[in-house]
């Protein structure tokens, strides 16, 4: 049985990504790792650390359940986890627990944000929007300098 470690932050995007990776003829074990959205720094005034972790766990359970419900009928197994801390450390821990597992990044890209790397040595690439904004700003500066 093949094992996949799948990082998700949006159920619909993850479901479409997972559908292309899972073979319906061979059962697969998927470790779904929920990456909950970041709460802003001012939220700590109103919510304790324990309440934040509880919310992150509930969000992750709900999102992972939405992803797994379509594939469970085909004989695939799902394990749900929550990503607390740097994703590189989470990947190391899960690869130690599930030896030989492949890592799949099924996180939905966000506009003007750099995705956190999943494995050591992976470069954090800025998305296309960040690159385009940098080029537009540079072009505007050159246009103003010429005038």
Protein backbone atom coordinates (compact mmCIF):
# COMPACT_ATOMS: atom_id res chain seq x y z
CA UNK A 1 0.00 0.00 0.00
CA UNK A 2 1.42 3.37 -1.05
CA UNK A 3 1.52 6.15 1.55
CA UNK A 4 1.13 9.85 0.74
CA UNK A 5 1.66 12.80 3.08
CA UNK A 6 -0.64 15.52 1.74
CA UNK A 7 -0.56 19.11 2.98
CA UNK A 8 -3.89 20.91 2.53
CA UNK A 9 -5.38 24.33 3.25
CA UNK A 10 -8.48 24.24 1.02
CA UNK A 11 -10.75 21.22 0.64
CA UNK A 12 -11.83 21.70 -3.00
CA UNK A 13 -8.33 22.40 -4.28
CA UNK A 14 -6.91 19.47 -2.32
CA UNK A 15 -9.63 17.12 -3.58
CA UNK A 16 -8.83 17.95 -7.21
CA UNK A 17 -5.08 17.57 -6.62
CA UNK A 18 -5.56 14.27 -4.79
CA UNK A 19 -7.82 12.87 -7.52
CA UNK A 20 -4.94 13.04 -9.99
CA UNK A 21 -2.48 11.37 -7.59
CA UNK A 22 -4.57 8.49 -6.24
CA UNK A 23 -4.92 5.37 -8.35
CA UNK A 24 -8.42 3.92 -7.99
CA UNK A 25 -7.20 0.34 -8.62
CA UNK A 26 -4.69 0.33 -5.75
CA UNK A 27 -5.65 1.36 -2.20
CA UNK A 28 -3.62 4.25 -0.84
CA UNK A 29 -2.96 5.45 2.69
CA UNK A 30 -3.11 9.25 2.86
CA UNK A 31 -1.91 11.30 5.79
CA UNK A 32 -3.85 14.55 5.43
CA UNK A 33 -2.04 17.39 7.19
CA UNK A 34 -4.26 20.42 7.70
CA UNK A 35 -2.53 23.80 7.48
CA UNK A 36 -5.04 26.16 9.12
CA UNK A 37 -5.08 29.82 8.15
CA UNK A 38 -2.91 32.13 10.18
CA UNK A 39 -4.67 34.35 12.68
CA UNK A 40 -3.36 37.88 12.95
CA UNK A 41 -1.11 38.89 15.80
CA UNK A 42 -3.78 40.95 17.55
CA UNK A 43 -6.00 37.92 18.14
CA UNK A 44 -3.81 36.85 21.08
CA UNK A 45 -5.37 39.62 23.11
CA UNK A 46 -8.78 37.96 22.89
CA UNK A 47 -8.03 34.24 22.48
CA UNK A 48 -5.74 32.06 24.59
CA UNK A 49 -3.17 29.73 23.06
CA UNK A 50 -5.23 26.69 24.01
CA UNK A 51 -8.35 28.10 22.37
CA UNK A 52 -6.33 28.86 19.22
CA UNK A 53 -5.03 25.27 19.04
CA UNK A 54 -8.54 23.93 19.60
CA UNK A 55 -9.86 26.07 16.73
CA UNK A 56 -6.98 24.96 14.46
CA UNK A 57 -7.70 21.31 15.27
CA UNK A 58 -11.43 21.71 14.58
CA UNK A 59 -10.71 23.51 11.29
CA UNK A 60 -8.28 20.81 10.24
CA UNK A 61 -10.67 17.97 11.14
CA UNK A 62 -13.49 19.58 9.16
CA UNK A 63 -11.31 20.25 6.10
CA UNK A 64 -9.73 16.77 6.13
CA UNK A 65 -13.15 15.13 6.47
CA UNK A 66 -14.40 17.03 3.41
CA UNK A 67 -11.41 15.86 1.39
CA UNK A 68 -11.55 12.22 2.49
CA UNK A 69 -15.30 11.59 2.18
CA UNK A 70 -15.18 11.18 -1.61
CA UNK A 71 -12.27 8.74 -1.61
CA UNK A 72 -13.10 6.55 1.40
CA UNK A 73 -15.66 4.55 -0.59
CA UNK A 74 -12.90 3.43 -3.00
CA UNK A 75 -10.97 1.65 -0.21
CA UNK A 76 -8.40 4.34 0.57
CA UNK A 77 -7.37 4.99 4.17
CA UNK A 78 -7.02 8.46 5.66
CA UNK A 79 -5.22 9.74 8.74
CA UNK A 80 -5.80 13.34 9.86
CA UNK A 81 -3.11 15.54 11.40
CA UNK A 82 -2.66 19.24 12.14
CA UNK A 83 0.49 21.17 11.27
CA UNK A 84 1.75 22.96 14.38
CA UNK A 85 5.08 24.68 13.84
CA UNK A 86 7.38 24.76 10.80
CA UNK A 87 6.27 22.40 8.03
CA UNK A 88 9.81 21.05 7.53
CA UNK A 89 9.76 19.69 11.10
CA UNK A 90 6.27 18.22 10.59
CA UNK A 91 7.46 16.47 7.40
CA UNK A 92 10.49 14.99 9.17
CA UNK A 93 8.31 13.67 11.98
CA UNK A 94 5.75 12.15 9.60
CA UNK A 95 8.40 10.57 7.36
CA UNK A 96 9.87 8.95 10.46
CA UNK A 97 6.45 7.63 11.39
CA UNK A 98 5.39 6.60 7.85
CA UNK A 99 8.62 5.35 6.32
CA UNK A 100 8.85 5.71 2.53
CA UNK A 101 5.89 8.08 2.22
CA UNK A 102 5.79 10.57 -0.64
CA UNK A 103 5.08 14.23 0.14
CA UNK A 104 2.42 16.07 -1.86
CA UNK A 105 1.80 19.80 -1.58
CA UNK A 106 -1.91 20.30 -2.27
CA UNK A 107 -2.10 23.72 -0.62
CA UNK A 108 -3.97 26.34 -2.60
CA UNK A 109 -1.59 29.14 -3.59
CA UNK A 110 -2.45 32.53 -2.13
CA UNK A 111 -2.00 35.81 -3.93
CA UNK A 112 1.25 37.63 -3.11
CA UNK A 113 2.35 35.11 -0.46
CA UNK A 114 5.33 32.82 -0.54
CA UNK A 115 4.49 29.21 0.33
CA UNK A 116 6.44 27.70 3.22
CA UNK A 117 8.76 24.87 2.08
CA UNK A 118 7.83 21.31 3.06
CA UNK A 119 11.18 19.52 2.89
CA UNK A 120 14.72 20.58 3.68
CA UNK A 121 16.53 22.08 0.71
CA UNK A 122 13.32 23.18 -1.02
CA UNK A 123 13.43 26.82 -2.00
CA UNK A 124 10.52 29.04 -1.00
CA UNK A 125 9.40 30.37 -4.37
CA UNK A 126 7.50 33.63 -4.62
CA UNK A 127 4.28 33.25 -6.55
CA UNK A 128 3.65 34.76 -9.97
CA UNK A 129 1.72 37.73 -8.54
CA UNK A 130 4.67 38.78 -6.36
CA UNK A 131 7.02 38.58 -9.31
CA UNK A 132 4.61 40.54 -11.52
CA UNK A 133 4.20 43.25 -8.88
CA UNK A 134 7.99 43.57 -8.59
CA UNK A 135 8.36 43.93 -12.35
CA UNK A 136 5.54 46.50 -12.48
CA UNK A 137 7.10 48.54 -9.67
CA UNK A 138 10.52 48.48 -11.34
CA UNK A 139 9.00 49.53 -14.66
CA UNK A 140 7.16 52.41 -12.98
CA UNK A 141 10.37 53.61 -11.31
CA UNK A 142 12.23 53.52 -14.63
CA UNK A 143 9.40 55.37 -16.36
CA UNK A 144 9.48 58.10 -13.71
CA UNK A 145 13.27 58.32 -13.86
CA UNK A 146 13.23 58.81 -17.65
CA UNK A 147 10.82 61.74 -17.37
